[in-house]
Amino acid sequence: MKKEDLKELFEYACLKSDLVDEYPNINNWPEQPRCSSKFFYESLGIKEYQSIDINGDYGAMVHDLNKPFEDRSKFNKFDIVTDYGACEHAFNIAECYRTMHNLTKLGGYIIIEQSLLKGNGYFKFDESFLKGLLQQTAIKLFSIHIQ
């Protein structure tokens, strides 16, 4: 997103738009290197931010989402776990979402922003896929709760 567009959204949401001026690499978009999402989340008051990426860019934990995530110290740790267009790029999509579920705290949120049409990954999601994923999430959360 362009810096000025993000500042406008901050103003609309009654957030301090001058925080955006401090984001590193904010003027590079859409070129590389870009600004990490970490700074946006910090502006919202989120104190701890971690990400996963196979290349380790922007301080990410290095992990291939096709494989099981085995660092149990991160399981059930995060209030919010997001997929903003990454999981459809892995062949083992079930493992991607299993990892997201394992990382999310009981009562936490999983946010998935995927293109339903004209996607650019290996998979294109439809409404039935997302409803099924939601159903499985509810079952997992319930089973954790009663144990």
N, C-alpha and C. Protein backbone atom coordinates (compact mmCIF):
# COMPACT_ATOMS: atom_id res chain seq x y z
N MET A 1 0.85 -1.17 0.00
CA MET A 1 0.00 0.00 0.00
C MET A 1 0.89 1.24 0.00
N LYS A 2 0.49 2.23 -0.72
CA LYS A 2 1.24 3.48 -0.75
C LYS A 2 1.14 4.19 0.61
N LYS A 3 2.21 4.85 0.97
CA LYS A 3 2.29 5.55 2.24
C LYS A 3 1.12 6.50 2.45
N GLU A 4 0.82 7.32 1.47
CA GLU A 4 -0.25 8.31 1.63
C GLU A 4 -1.62 7.64 1.79
N ASP A 5 -1.83 6.51 1.12
CA ASP A 5 -3.10 5.78 1.28
C ASP A 5 -3.23 5.22 2.68
N LEU A 6 -2.13 4.70 3.21
CA LEU A 6 -2.16 4.16 4.57
C LEU A 6 -2.39 5.28 5.59
N LYS A 7 -1.75 6.41 5.38
CA LYS A 7 -1.96 7.54 6.29
C LYS A 7 -3.42 7.99 6.27
N GLU A 8 -4.02 7.99 5.10
CA GLU A 8 -5.43 8.38 4.98
C GLU A 8 -6.32 7.40 5.74
N LEU A 9 -6.02 6.11 5.64
CA LEU A 9 -6.80 5.11 6.38
C LEU A 9 -6.63 5.28 7.89
N PHE A 10 -5.41 5.59 8.31
CA PHE A 10 -5.17 5.84 9.74
C PHE A 10 -6.02 7.02 10.22
N GLU A 11 -6.04 8.08 9.45
CA GLU A 11 -6.84 9.25 9.83
C GLU A 11 -8.32 8.91 9.90
N TYR A 12 -8.78 8.14 8.94
CA TYR A 12 -10.19 7.72 8.91
C TYR A 12 -10.54 6.90 10.15
N ALA A 13 -9.59 6.09 10.62
CA ALA A 13 -9.81 5.24 11.78
C ALA A 13 -9.44 5.94 13.09
N CYS A 14 -9.12 7.23 13.01
CA CYS A 14 -8.73 8.04 14.19
C CYS A 14 -7.47 7.49 14.86
N LEU A 15 -6.53 7.00 14.05
CA LEU A 15 -5.23 6.57 14.53
C LEU A 15 -4.21 7.65 14.19
N LYS A 16 -3.08 7.63 14.86
CA LYS A 16 -2.03 8.63 14.64
C LYS A 16 -1.36 8.35 13.30
N SER A 17 -1.69 9.12 12.30
CA SER A 17 -1.16 8.89 10.96
C SER A 17 0.33 9.20 10.85
N ASP A 18 0.87 10.00 11.77
CA ASP A 18 2.29 10.31 11.71
C ASP A 18 3.16 9.10 12.04
N LEU A 19 2.57 8.05 12.64
CA LEU A 19 3.32 6.82 12.91
C LEU A 19 3.81 6.19 11.61
N VAL A 20 3.03 6.35 10.55
CA VAL A 20 3.37 5.77 9.25
C VAL A 20 4.69 6.35 8.73
N ASP A 21 4.97 7.61 9.06
CA ASP A 21 6.21 8.25 8.60
C ASP A 21 7.46 7.53 9.12
N GLU A 22 7.32 6.82 10.22
CA GLU A 22 8.46 6.12 10.83
C GLU A 22 8.66 4.71 10.29
N TYR A 23 7.75 4.20 9.49
CA TYR A 23 7.87 2.83 8.96
C TYR A 23 9.06 2.74 8.00
N PRO A 24 9.97 1.79 8.25
CA PRO A 24 11.10 1.65 7.31
C PRO A 24 10.62 1.10 5.97
N ASN A 25 11.22 1.58 4.91
CA ASN A 25 10.93 1.13 3.54
C ASN A 25 9.50 1.41 3.08
N ILE A 26 8.76 2.27 3.76
CA ILE A 26 7.36 2.51 3.42
C ILE A 26 7.22 3.13 2.03
N ASN A 27 8.22 3.85 1.59
CA ASN A 27 8.14 4.50 0.28
C ASN A 27 8.53 3.58 -0.88
N ASN A 28 8.94 2.37 -0.59
CA ASN A 28 9.39 1.44 -1.63
C ASN A 28 8.25 0.74 -2.36
N TRP A 29 7.08 0.67 -1.75
CA TRP A 29 5.99 -0.10 -2.34
C TRP A 29 5.65 0.40 -3.73
N PRO A 30 5.50 -0.43 -4.73
CA PRO A 30 5.42 -1.90 -4.68
C PRO A 30 6.76 -2.59 -4.89
N GLU A 31 7.84 -1.85 -4.90
CA GLU A 31 9.17 -2.45 -5.10
C GLU A 31 9.68 -3.06 -3.81
N GLN A 32 10.84 -3.70 -3.90
CA GLN A 32 11.49 -4.33 -2.75
C GLN A 32 12.65 -3.46 -2.30
N PRO A 33 13.09 -3.49 -1.07
CA PRO A 33 12.46 -4.17 0.04
C PRO A 33 11.25 -3.39 0.52
N ARG A 34 10.25 -4.12 0.96
CA ARG A 34 9.03 -3.50 1.46
C ARG A 34 9.09 -3.38 2.98
N CYS A 35 8.12 -2.71 3.51
CA CYS A 35 7.99 -2.56 4.95
C CYS A 35 7.30 -3.79 5.52
N SER A 36 7.82 -4.30 6.61
CA SER A 36 7.21 -5.43 7.30
C SER A 36 5.87 -5.01 7.91
N SER A 37 4.94 -5.95 7.98
CA SER A 37 3.65 -5.71 8.64
C SER A 37 3.80 -5.44 10.13
N LYS A 38 4.93 -5.82 10.67
CA LYS A 38 5.19 -5.64 12.11
C LYS A 38 4.90 -4.22 12.56
N PHE A 39 5.29 -3.25 11.78
CA PHE A 39 5.13 -1.86 12.17
C PHE A 39 3.67 -1.43 12.20
N PHE A 40 2.89 -1.97 11.26
CA PHE A 40 1.45 -1.70 11.26
C PHE A 40 0.81 -2.26 12.53
N TYR A 41 1.13 -3.50 12.85
CA TYR A 41 0.55 -4.12 14.05
C TYR A 41 0.99 -3.39 15.32
N GLU A 42 2.23 -2.95 15.38
CA GLU A 42 2.69 -2.17 16.53
C GLU A 42 1.89 -0.87 16.66
N SER A 43 1.56 -0.25 15.53
CA SER A 43 0.76 0.98 15.55
C SER A 43 -0.63 0.73 16.12
N LEU A 44 -1.11 -0.51 16.00
CA LEU A 44 -2.42 -0.87 16.55
C LEU A 44 -2.33 -1.27 18.02
N GLY A 45 -1.11 -1.27 18.57
CA GLY A 45 -0.93 -1.59 19.97
C GLY A 45 -0.54 -3.04 20.24
N ILE A 46 -0.29 -3.80 19.19
CA ILE A 46 0.13 -5.19 19.36
C ILE A 46 1.62 -5.18 19.67
N LYS A 47 1.97 -5.71 20.83
CA LYS A 47 3.35 -5.61 21.32
C LYS A 47 4.26 -6.70 20.78
N GLU A 48 3.74 -7.89 20.59
CA GLU A 48 4.57 -8.99 20.12
C GLU A 48 4.10 -9.44 18.75
N TYR A 49 4.99 -9.42 17.78
CA TYR A 49 4.67 -9.81 16.41
C TYR A 49 5.72 -10.78 15.93
N GLN A 50 5.28 -11.88 15.34
CA GLN A 50 6.18 -12.82 14.71
C GLN A 50 5.56 -13.26 13.41
N SER A 51 6.40 -13.62 12.46
CA SER A 51 5.92 -14.11 11.18
C SER A 51 6.73 -15.33 10.78
N ILE A 52 6.19 -16.07 9.81
CA ILE A 52 6.85 -17.26 9.27
C ILE A 52 7.05 -17.03 7.79
N ASP A 53 8.26 -17.32 7.31
CA ASP A 53 8.53 -17.27 5.88
C ASP A 53 9.71 -18.17 5.59
N ILE A 54 9.65 -18.89 4.52
CA ILE A 54 10.73 -19.81 4.18
C ILE A 54 12.06 -19.09 3.97
N ASN A 55 12.01 -17.81 3.59
CA ASN A 55 13.26 -17.09 3.31
C ASN A 55 13.79 -16.30 4.50
N GLY A 56 13.02 -16.19 5.57
CA GLY A 56 13.48 -15.48 6.76
C GLY A 56 13.51 -13.97 6.63
N ASP A 57 12.99 -13.44 5.52
CA ASP A 57 12.99 -11.98 5.34
C ASP A 57 12.22 -11.28 6.45
N TYR A 58 12.62 -10.07 6.75
CA TYR A 58 11.96 -9.20 7.73
C TYR A 58 11.93 -9.82 9.12
N GLY A 59 12.92 -10.63 9.44
CA GLY A 59 12.99 -11.24 10.77
C GLY A 59 12.05 -12.40 10.98
N ALA A 60 11.53 -12.97 9.92
CA ALA A 60 10.58 -14.08 10.03
C ALA A 60 11.24 -15.35 10.55
N MET A 61 10.45 -16.17 11.24
CA MET A 61 10.91 -17.51 11.59
C MET A 61 11.01 -18.30 10.29
N VAL A 62 12.11 -18.96 10.07
CA VAL A 62 12.31 -19.71 8.84
C VAL A 62 11.60 -21.05 8.95
N HIS A 63 10.64 -21.26 8.06
CA HIS A 63 9.90 -22.52 8.05
C HIS A 63 9.22 -22.69 6.70
N ASP A 64 9.22 -23.92 6.20
CA ASP A 64 8.50 -24.30 4.99
C ASP A 64 7.11 -24.74 5.41
N LEU A 65 6.09 -23.99 5.04
CA LEU A 65 4.71 -24.29 5.47
C LEU A 65 4.16 -25.60 4.92
N ASN A 66 4.88 -26.24 4.02
CA ASN A 66 4.49 -27.57 3.55
C ASN A 66 4.78 -28.64 4.60
N LYS A 67 5.62 -28.32 5.56
CA LYS A 67 6.07 -29.30 6.56
C LYS A 67 5.49 -28.97 7.92
N PRO A 68 5.39 -29.98 8.80
CA PRO A 68 4.87 -29.71 10.15
C PRO A 68 5.74 -28.69 10.89
N PHE A 69 5.08 -27.78 11.57
CA PHE A 69 5.76 -26.80 12.42
C PHE A 69 5.94 -27.46 13.78
N GLU A 70 7.18 -27.66 14.19
CA GLU A 70 7.43 -28.50 15.36
C GLU A 70 7.89 -27.75 16.60
N ASP A 71 7.99 -26.44 16.54
CA ASP A 71 8.40 -25.66 17.71
C ASP A 71 7.19 -25.51 18.64
N ARG A 72 7.04 -26.47 19.53
CA ARG A 72 5.87 -26.50 20.42
C ARG A 72 5.82 -25.31 21.37
N SER A 73 6.93 -24.59 21.55
CA SER A 73 6.90 -23.41 22.41
C SER A 73 6.02 -22.31 21.82
N LYS A 74 5.71 -22.41 20.53
CA LYS A 74 4.86 -21.41 19.87
C LYS A 74 3.40 -21.86 19.81
N PHE A 75 3.11 -23.11 20.15
CA PHE A 75 1.74 -23.62 20.07
C PHE A 75 0.86 -22.91 21.10
N ASN A 76 -0.37 -22.59 20.69
CA ASN A 76 -1.37 -21.95 21.56
C ASN A 76 -0.83 -20.66 22.18
N LYS A 77 -0.02 -19.94 21.44
CA LYS A 77 0.63 -18.74 21.98
C LYS A 77 0.03 -17.43 21.46
N PHE A 78 -0.56 -17.45 20.27
CA PHE A 78 -0.91 -16.20 19.60
C PHE A 78 -2.40 -15.90 19.64
N ASP A 79 -2.72 -14.65 19.93
CA ASP A 79 -4.11 -14.19 19.94
C ASP A 79 -4.66 -14.07 18.52
N ILE A 80 -3.81 -13.69 17.59
CA ILE A 80 -4.21 -13.51 16.19
C ILE A 80 -3.18 -14.19 15.30
N VAL A 81 -3.66 -15.04 14.39
CA VAL A 81 -2.81 -15.68 13.39
C VAL A 81 -3.44 -15.38 12.04
N THR A 82 -2.64 -14.87 11.11
CA THR A 82 -3.19 -14.42 9.83
C THR A 82 -2.61 -15.17 8.64
N ASP A 83 -3.41 -15.24 7.60
CA ASP A 83 -2.97 -15.71 6.29
C ASP A 83 -3.46 -14.68 5.28
N TYR A 84 -2.56 -13.81 4.89
CA TYR A 84 -2.90 -12.79 3.89
C TYR A 84 -2.34 -13.19 2.54
N GLY A 85 -2.75 -14.35 2.08
CA GLY A 85 -2.36 -14.78 0.74
C GLY A 85 -1.06 -15.54 0.70
N ALA A 86 -0.81 -16.40 1.68
CA ALA A 86 0.41 -17.20 1.67
C ALA A 86 0.11 -18.69 1.50
N CYS A 87 -0.90 -19.17 2.18
CA CYS A 87 -1.14 -20.61 2.23
C CYS A 87 -1.46 -21.21 0.86
N GLU A 88 -2.04 -20.47 -0.03
CA GLU A 88 -2.37 -21.02 -1.35
C GLU A 88 -1.12 -21.27 -2.19
N HIS A 89 0.03 -20.83 -1.72
CA HIS A 89 1.28 -21.04 -2.45
C HIS A 89 2.00 -22.32 -2.02
N ALA A 90 1.51 -22.98 -1.01
CA ALA A 90 2.11 -24.25 -0.56
C ALA A 90 1.33 -25.41 -1.16
N PHE A 91 2.02 -26.49 -1.48
CA PHE A 91 1.34 -27.68 -2.00
C PHE A 91 0.55 -28.37 -0.89
N ASN A 92 1.10 -28.39 0.31
CA ASN A 92 0.46 -29.08 1.43
C ASN A 92 -0.36 -28.09 2.23
N ILE A 93 -1.45 -27.68 1.64
CA ILE A 93 -2.27 -26.62 2.25
C ILE A 93 -2.86 -27.03 3.59
N ALA A 94 -3.14 -28.33 3.74
CA ALA A 94 -3.67 -28.79 5.03
C ALA A 94 -2.65 -28.53 6.15
N GLU A 95 -1.38 -28.73 5.85
CA GLU A 95 -0.35 -28.49 6.87
C GLU A 95 -0.25 -27.01 7.22
N CYS A 96 -0.45 -26.15 6.23
CA CYS A 96 -0.44 -24.70 6.50
C CYS A 96 -1.51 -24.33 7.53
N TYR A 97 -2.71 -24.80 7.29
CA TYR A 97 -3.80 -24.45 8.20
C TYR A 97 -3.70 -25.19 9.52
N ARG A 98 -3.11 -26.38 9.54
CA ARG A 98 -2.86 -27.08 10.80
C ARG A 98 -1.89 -26.24 11.65
N THR A 99 -0.86 -25.71 11.00
CA THR A 99 0.08 -24.86 11.71
C THR A 99 -0.62 -23.64 12.28
N MET A 100 -1.46 -22.99 11.49
CA MET A 100 -2.19 -21.81 11.98
C MET A 100 -3.02 -22.17 13.20
N HIS A 101 -3.71 -23.30 13.15
CA HIS A 101 -4.54 -23.73 14.28
C HIS A 101 -3.69 -24.00 15.50
N ASN A 102 -2.54 -24.65 15.30
CA ASN A 102 -1.67 -24.97 16.43
C ASN A 102 -1.10 -23.72 17.09
N LEU A 103 -0.88 -22.67 16.33
CA LEU A 103 -0.29 -21.45 16.87
C LEU A 103 -1.30 -20.58 17.60
N THR A 104 -2.58 -20.72 17.29
CA THR A 104 -3.62 -19.85 17.84
C THR A 104 -4.04 -20.28 19.23
N LYS A 105 -4.12 -19.30 20.13
CA LYS A 105 -4.61 -19.55 21.49
C LYS A 105 -6.08 -19.94 21.46
N LEU A 106 -6.52 -20.65 22.48
CA LEU A 106 -7.94 -20.90 22.66
C LEU A 106 -8.65 -19.55 22.79
N GLY A 107 -9.65 -19.32 21.99
CA GLY A 107 -10.34 -18.04 21.98
C GLY A 107 -9.68 -17.00 21.09
N GLY A 108 -8.57 -17.38 20.44
CA GLY A 108 -7.87 -16.46 19.54
C GLY A 108 -8.56 -16.39 18.19
N TYR A 109 -8.00 -15.61 17.31
CA TYR A 109 -8.58 -15.38 15.99
C TYR A 109 -7.63 -15.85 14.89
N ILE A 110 -8.20 -16.50 13.90
CA ILE A 110 -7.49 -16.82 12.67
C ILE A 110 -8.12 -15.95 11.59
N ILE A 111 -7.31 -15.14 10.95
CA ILE A 111 -7.81 -14.25 9.89
C ILE A 111 -7.22 -14.72 8.57
N ILE A 112 -8.10 -15.03 7.63
CA ILE A 112 -7.68 -15.50 6.32
C ILE A 112 -8.20 -14.53 5.28
N GLU A 113 -7.31 -13.97 4.50
CA GLU A 113 -7.65 -13.07 3.41
C GLU A 113 -7.12 -13.72 2.14
N GLN A 114 -8.00 -14.36 1.41
CA GLN A 114 -7.61 -15.07 0.20
C GLN A 114 -8.48 -14.61 -0.96
N SER A 115 -7.91 -14.65 -2.11
CA SER A 115 -8.65 -14.32 -3.32
C SER A 115 -9.48 -15.52 -3.73
N LEU A 116 -10.79 -15.33 -3.86
CA LEU A 116 -11.66 -16.42 -4.30
C LEU A 116 -11.65 -16.55 -5.81
N LEU A 117 -11.39 -15.47 -6.50
CA LEU A 117 -11.31 -15.48 -7.96
C LEU A 117 -9.97 -14.92 -8.39
N LYS A 118 -9.46 -15.42 -9.47
CA LYS A 118 -8.20 -14.91 -10.03
C LYS A 118 -7.05 -14.98 -9.03
N GLY A 119 -6.94 -16.08 -8.29
CA GLY A 119 -5.84 -16.25 -7.36
C GLY A 119 -4.53 -16.45 -8.10
N ASN A 120 -3.42 -16.34 -7.38
CA ASN A 120 -2.12 -16.48 -8.03
C ASN A 120 -1.30 -17.62 -7.44
N GLY A 121 -1.92 -18.51 -6.67
CA GLY A 121 -1.21 -19.63 -6.06
C GLY A 121 -1.60 -20.94 -6.71
N TYR A 122 -1.29 -22.02 -6.03
CA TYR A 122 -1.62 -23.36 -6.53
C TYR A 122 -3.09 -23.69 -6.35
N PHE A 123 -3.74 -23.01 -5.41
CA PHE A 123 -5.13 -23.30 -5.08
C PHE A 123 -5.98 -22.05 -5.21
N LYS A 124 -7.21 -22.26 -5.57
CA LYS A 124 -8.22 -21.20 -5.55
C LYS A 124 -9.31 -21.67 -4.60
N PHE A 125 -9.59 -20.85 -3.61
CA PHE A 125 -10.56 -21.23 -2.60
C PHE A 125 -11.95 -20.81 -3.03
N ASP A 126 -12.92 -21.57 -2.58
CA ASP A 126 -14.31 -21.19 -2.79
C ASP A 126 -15.01 -21.14 -1.43
N GLU A 127 -16.24 -20.73 -1.45
CA GLU A 127 -16.98 -20.55 -0.21
C GLU A 127 -17.08 -21.85 0.59
N SER A 128 -17.29 -22.99 -0.09
CA SER A 128 -17.44 -24.26 0.63
C SER A 128 -16.14 -24.64 1.34
N PHE A 129 -14.98 -24.35 0.73
CA PHE A 129 -13.71 -24.63 1.39
C PHE A 129 -13.60 -23.82 2.68
N LEU A 130 -13.91 -22.54 2.61
CA LEU A 130 -13.78 -21.68 3.78
C LEU A 130 -14.77 -22.07 4.87
N LYS A 131 -15.98 -22.46 4.49
CA LYS A 131 -16.96 -22.92 5.49
C LYS A 131 -16.48 -24.21 6.16
N GLY A 132 -15.91 -25.11 5.38
CA GLY A 132 -15.37 -26.35 5.95
C GLY A 132 -14.22 -26.08 6.89
N LEU A 133 -13.36 -25.15 6.53
CA LEU A 133 -12.26 -24.77 7.40
C LEU A 133 -12.78 -24.19 8.70
N LEU A 134 -13.78 -23.35 8.61
CA LEU A 134 -14.38 -22.76 9.80
C LEU A 134 -14.98 -23.84 10.69
N GLN A 135 -15.66 -24.81 10.08
CA GLN A 135 -16.25 -25.89 10.85
C GLN A 135 -15.18 -26.69 11.59
N GLN A 136 -14.09 -26.99 10.92
CA GLN A 136 -13.00 -27.74 11.55
C GLN A 136 -12.36 -26.94 12.67
N THR A 137 -12.28 -25.63 12.51
CA THR A 137 -11.72 -24.78 13.55
C THR A 137 -12.60 -24.84 14.79
N ALA A 138 -13.90 -24.75 14.61
CA ALA A 138 -14.82 -24.78 15.74
C ALA A 138 -14.71 -26.12 16.47
N ILE A 139 -14.58 -27.20 15.74
CA ILE A 139 -14.44 -28.52 16.37
C ILE A 139 -13.15 -28.58 17.17
N LYS A 140 -12.05 -28.10 16.61
CA LYS A 140 -10.77 -28.12 17.31
C LYS A 140 -10.84 -27.28 18.58
N LEU A 141 -11.38 -26.09 18.48
CA LEU A 141 -11.45 -25.22 19.65
C LEU A 141 -12.30 -25.85 20.74
N PHE A 142 -13.38 -26.48 20.35
CA PHE A 142 -14.26 -27.12 21.34
C PHE A 142 -13.54 -28.28 22.00
N SER A 143 -12.83 -29.09 21.21
CA SER A 143 -12.16 -30.25 21.79
C SER A 143 -11.03 -29.82 22.73
N ILE A 144 -10.35 -28.74 22.43
CA ILE A 144 -9.30 -28.25 23.33
C ILE A 144 -9.94 -27.74 24.62
N HIS A 145 -11.06 -27.09 24.49
CA HIS A 145 -11.73 -26.49 25.64
C HIS A 145 -12.19 -27.54 26.65
N ILE A 146 -12.65 -28.68 26.18
CA ILE A 146 -13.21 -29.66 27.12
C ILE A 146 -12.15 -30.60 27.69
N GLN A 147 -10.93 -30.57 27.22
CA GLN A 147 -9.89 -31.48 27.73
C GLN A 147 -9.36 -31.02 29.06
